[in-house]
């Protein structure tokens, strides 16, 4: 009976947390698609939602884990360029599955200027197709695939960077923001 329940399609727009639907969601979220709506708890308390950015550009980047080497470099690069993103009319929001307390500590430790959202439920991560099955040292597990979305003022996806390599990424995103 549980197997039958697991095979039913989800009733909401949020995708089930499996490798197949997550890849399908990412394939659907191409330039021109409407960005999935979300409301998440954020660093410093309160919440952040897609609607908060209506009428302006949003750089929405997903990172695997706060205070790890690649994620720290990426967050520091986006923070370093935050003023340039602001001048280009864009806000930046980093999202991971870390609890808000970890996001707060991460932000404080590295003096990050950017906003950080927390999706411990993985619903938003799944809707954006970044919660996927991964493999490391022969062990399979679910986690975030480092991905960035540029969302336009109309809340449509303008560009997607899948499987991001951190080096030079923030600069590449800034160039795309300026061109939008």
Protein backbone atom coordinates (compact mmCIF):
# COMPACT_ATOMS: atom_id res chain seq x y z
CA UNK A 1 0.00 0.00 0.00
CA UNK A 2 2.82 2.43 0.83
CA UNK A 3 4.36 1.67 -2.57
CA UNK A 4 1.12 2.67 -4.30
CA UNK A 5 1.01 5.94 -2.34
CA UNK A 6 4.61 6.73 -3.26
CA UNK A 7 3.82 6.28 -6.97
CA UNK A 8 0.99 8.84 -7.01
CA UNK A 9 1.95 12.20 -8.51
CA UNK A 10 2.17 15.03 -5.99
CA UNK A 11 -0.97 17.15 -5.57
CA UNK A 12 0.97 20.44 -5.37
CA UNK A 13 3.45 22.09 -7.68
CA UNK A 14 6.29 21.00 -5.37
CA UNK A 15 8.01 17.96 -6.79
CA UNK A 16 8.64 14.73 -4.97
CA UNK A 17 12.19 14.28 -3.80
CA UNK A 18 13.58 11.73 -6.22
CA UNK A 19 16.27 11.94 -8.85
CA UNK A 20 13.88 11.58 -11.81
CA UNK A 21 11.42 14.39 -11.00
CA UNK A 22 14.23 16.67 -9.82
CA UNK A 23 15.97 16.33 -13.17
CA UNK A 24 12.64 16.83 -14.92
CA UNK A 25 12.01 20.01 -12.92
CA UNK A 26 15.39 21.40 -13.86
CA UNK A 27 14.70 20.60 -17.51
CA UNK A 28 11.38 22.46 -17.26
CA UNK A 29 12.93 25.48 -15.58
CA UNK A 30 14.58 26.96 -18.61
CA UNK A 31 14.70 30.57 -19.75
CA UNK A 32 11.19 31.93 -20.12
CA UNK A 33 9.57 29.63 -17.54
CA UNK A 34 7.81 31.18 -14.56
CA UNK A 35 9.95 30.85 -11.43
CA UNK A 36 8.30 28.65 -8.77
CA UNK A 37 6.92 30.69 -5.90
CA UNK A 38 8.44 30.20 -2.45
CA UNK A 39 8.49 31.52 1.09
CA UNK A 40 11.42 30.49 3.27
CA UNK A 41 12.77 31.33 6.71
CA UNK A 42 15.84 33.51 6.33
CA UNK A 43 18.93 34.55 8.20
CA UNK A 44 18.33 37.07 10.96
CA UNK A 45 14.72 35.94 11.42
CA UNK A 46 11.66 36.56 9.34
CA UNK A 47 11.04 35.13 5.91
CA UNK A 48 11.83 35.76 2.28
CA UNK A 49 9.63 35.04 -0.72
CA UNK A 50 9.78 35.32 -4.49
CA UNK A 51 7.14 38.05 -4.29
CA UNK A 52 9.57 40.22 -2.28
CA UNK A 53 11.56 40.66 -5.51
CA UNK A 54 8.70 41.46 -7.89
CA UNK A 55 9.75 44.17 -10.31
CA UNK A 56 13.48 43.59 -9.90
CA UNK A 57 16.03 41.00 -10.92
CA UNK A 58 16.92 38.19 -8.55
CA UNK A 59 20.03 36.04 -8.52
CA UNK A 60 18.85 32.87 -6.79
CA UNK A 61 21.72 30.55 -6.09
CA UNK A 62 21.63 27.17 -4.41
CA UNK A 63 24.60 25.85 -2.47
CA UNK A 64 25.12 22.47 -0.77
CA UNK A 65 26.21 23.45 2.73
CA UNK A 66 27.12 26.54 4.73
CA UNK A 67 30.70 26.95 5.90
CA UNK A 68 32.27 24.47 3.47
CA UNK A 69 35.06 25.56 1.15
CA UNK A 70 33.22 25.90 -2.18
CA UNK A 71 30.08 27.33 -0.60
CA UNK A 72 32.10 29.84 1.42
CA UNK A 73 34.00 31.02 -1.66
CA UNK A 74 30.79 31.37 -3.65
CA UNK A 75 29.03 33.32 -0.87
CA UNK A 76 32.05 35.58 -0.39
CA UNK A 77 32.26 36.24 -4.14
CA UNK A 78 28.58 37.20 -4.34
CA UNK A 79 28.97 39.37 -1.22
CA UNK A 80 32.06 41.06 -2.65
CA UNK A 81 30.09 41.99 -5.79
CA UNK A 82 26.82 42.80 -4.02
CA UNK A 83 27.05 46.56 -4.64
CA UNK A 84 27.61 45.96 -8.38
CA UNK A 85 24.59 43.64 -8.47
CA UNK A 86 22.53 46.32 -6.69
CA UNK A 87 23.63 48.96 -9.25
CA UNK A 88 22.51 46.55 -11.99
CA UNK A 89 19.08 46.26 -10.31
CA UNK A 90 19.50 42.77 -8.85
CA UNK A 91 19.18 41.26 -5.41
CA UNK A 92 21.01 38.07 -4.39
CA UNK A 93 19.55 35.20 -2.38
CA UNK A 94 21.51 32.09 -1.45
CA UNK A 95 19.54 29.00 -0.43
CA UNK A 96 20.60 25.74 1.20
CA UNK A 97 18.99 23.08 3.36
CA UNK A 98 20.91 24.28 6.42
CA UNK A 99 18.86 25.43 9.42
CA UNK A 100 18.56 29.18 9.96
CA UNK A 101 20.93 29.01 12.94
CA UNK A 102 23.66 27.62 10.64
CA UNK A 103 22.90 30.34 8.07
CA UNK A 104 23.20 33.02 10.77
CA UNK A 105 26.54 31.65 11.97
CA UNK A 106 27.82 31.37 8.37
CA UNK A 107 26.80 34.95 7.58
CA UNK A 108 28.37 36.32 10.77
CA UNK A 109 31.62 34.32 10.48
CA UNK A 110 32.35 35.53 6.94
CA UNK A 111 30.59 38.92 7.18
CA UNK A 112 28.35 38.08 4.24
CA UNK A 113 26.15 40.89 2.95
CA UNK A 114 23.77 38.72 0.95
CA UNK A 115 20.50 37.20 2.17
CA UNK A 116 20.43 33.48 2.97
CA UNK A 117 17.30 31.32 2.92
CA UNK A 118 16.77 27.95 4.58
CA UNK A 119 14.79 25.08 3.04
CA UNK A 120 15.04 22.23 5.53
CA UNK A 121 11.89 20.65 4.03
CA UNK A 122 13.46 20.48 0.53
CA UNK A 123 10.16 21.56 -1.07
CA UNK A 124 11.55 24.67 -2.72
CA UNK A 125 14.81 22.87 -3.59
CA UNK A 126 12.76 20.16 -5.30
CA UNK A 127 10.56 22.67 -7.14
CA UNK A 128 13.70 24.23 -8.62
CA UNK A 129 15.12 20.79 -9.45
CA UNK A 130 18.29 21.17 -7.40
CA UNK A 131 17.56 18.48 -4.75
CA UNK A 132 18.96 15.43 -6.49
CA UNK A 133 20.54 12.08 -5.87
CA UNK A 134 24.31 12.39 -5.66
CA UNK A 135 27.11 9.90 -5.25
CA UNK A 136 30.38 10.19 -3.34
CA UNK A 137 32.83 7.37 -2.72
CA UNK A 138 30.22 4.86 -3.87
CA UNK A 139 27.60 6.13 -1.40
CA UNK A 140 24.34 7.52 -2.80
CA UNK A 141 22.51 10.32 -1.03
CA UNK A 142 20.30 13.31 -1.76
CA UNK A 143 21.68 16.80 -1.72
CA UNK A 144 21.81 20.13 -3.49
CA UNK A 145 23.38 20.39 -6.92
CA UNK A 146 25.04 23.82 -7.01
CA UNK A 147 22.84 25.80 -9.43
CA UNK A 148 22.06 29.47 -10.07
CA UNK A 149 18.94 31.02 -11.57
CA UNK A 150 18.66 34.58 -12.84
CA UNK A 151 15.05 35.63 -12.44
CA UNK A 152 13.82 38.70 -14.28
CA UNK A 153 11.61 41.49 -12.93
CA UNK A 154 8.60 39.62 -14.41
CA UNK A 155 9.51 36.62 -12.20
CA UNK A 156 10.39 34.53 -15.22
CA UNK A 157 13.67 32.67 -15.44
CA UNK A 158 16.10 34.56 -17.64
CA UNK A 159 19.03 32.14 -17.35
CA UNK A 160 20.10 28.95 -15.55
CA UNK A 161 23.62 27.87 -14.60
CA UNK A 162 23.45 24.14 -13.77
CA UNK A 163 26.24 22.31 -11.92
CA UNK A 164 28.12 25.51 -11.16
CA UNK A 165 31.89 25.69 -10.90
CA UNK A 166 32.56 28.36 -8.25
CA UNK A 167 35.64 30.00 -9.74
CA UNK A 168 34.56 33.11 -11.68
CA UNK A 169 30.86 32.26 -11.34
CA UNK A 170 29.76 35.44 -9.53
CA UNK A 171 31.43 37.57 -12.21
CA UNK A 172 29.71 35.56 -14.98
CA UNK A 173 26.33 36.03 -13.29
CA UNK A 174 26.97 39.76 -12.85
CA UNK A 175 27.69 40.10 -16.59
CA UNK A 176 24.39 38.34 -17.37
CA UNK A 177 22.51 40.59 -14.92
CA UNK A 178 23.93 43.69 -16.62
CA UNK A 179 22.88 42.33 -20.04
CA UNK A 180 19.30 41.65 -18.91
